[in-house]
């Protein structure tokens, strides 16, 4: 029997892949987003699947709009992804807080009013802040975020805990670090994906950071969100996501080898977050999660970029603004 999922921010990277996975397995996706731009969904979904997606336009900062949309959706599950990234939160902290924190509170309030008892939401490894540990971080590691974005995500984790204590709403917050794949086009950690796109186009690209990072294929990230939405987990949980710890040097080398040129370079400070997340906790409580090998994920990404290029549908606006 199919289920209905209410997904905020589904026009973004991870959200688009969640919608893709849900529709392909026969479930119903109701997208709540202030954007009517479905280019990311169109980049990865077949037209017949996209035709089955329901769209409700609205602003996450408008609590009444969120509640109305959630009630109209008749969804059994909520996946909350709407949010502003690090650069936007830095440039405009007030707007960042309104979207990332107040918006998340609106989702929890709407779920409470609609008697929905489970929310899965996007947190971030940015909650850890500066950390030069050589060990993989687990969920007990100290959180000292160094960006407004990280502070907002940490606040959401705390608020989710209070909603469980006060109202019995179960939740899972997921903490990815560097996600890659088609539609990853904003923020510093989108540079490796932009480099793949540039290489497919025969253009040079410079990745603006170095060192190692926890690199996860977006299809695996999406699968983790769906799995947590499907599992019965009582309480307010927060889980790390882990892909593969890899150096930017290796990423650039693999792109250049696959494209047959040396157009991709790298350099700059390392990301100030530990390079590996320990995902033992989430794997202990959920069904089997996919772990796409690095080379396979990068190959699939570049092949999809090439197919979109050949069809004249490859969006390059993110490269023009880099």
Foldseek 3Di string as FASTA:
>chain_A
DAFEEEEEPLLADLNLLLLQVRLVVPHEYEYEYQDPDNLLNVLPHDPVSVVRYHYDHDALLDLVSLLVSVVVRPGQFYEYEWADDQVVCQVPVVVRLSGLASSLVSNLVSCLVVVRQEYEYEAALLQQDFDADQDADWPVHDGDHDTSSNVSSVVSLVVLQVCCVPPVREYEYEHEYQEEFRRLQDDLSPQLNLCLLCLLVVAAGEREEWDKAFYAYSNLVSQLRVQRRPFDDGGRYYFYDGADIDIVVVSQVLSCVVSVHNRYHYDHYHDRGHRGHDGPVSPVRTPDGDHDDPSRSSVVRSVSSNVCVVVVSRDCPSVVVD
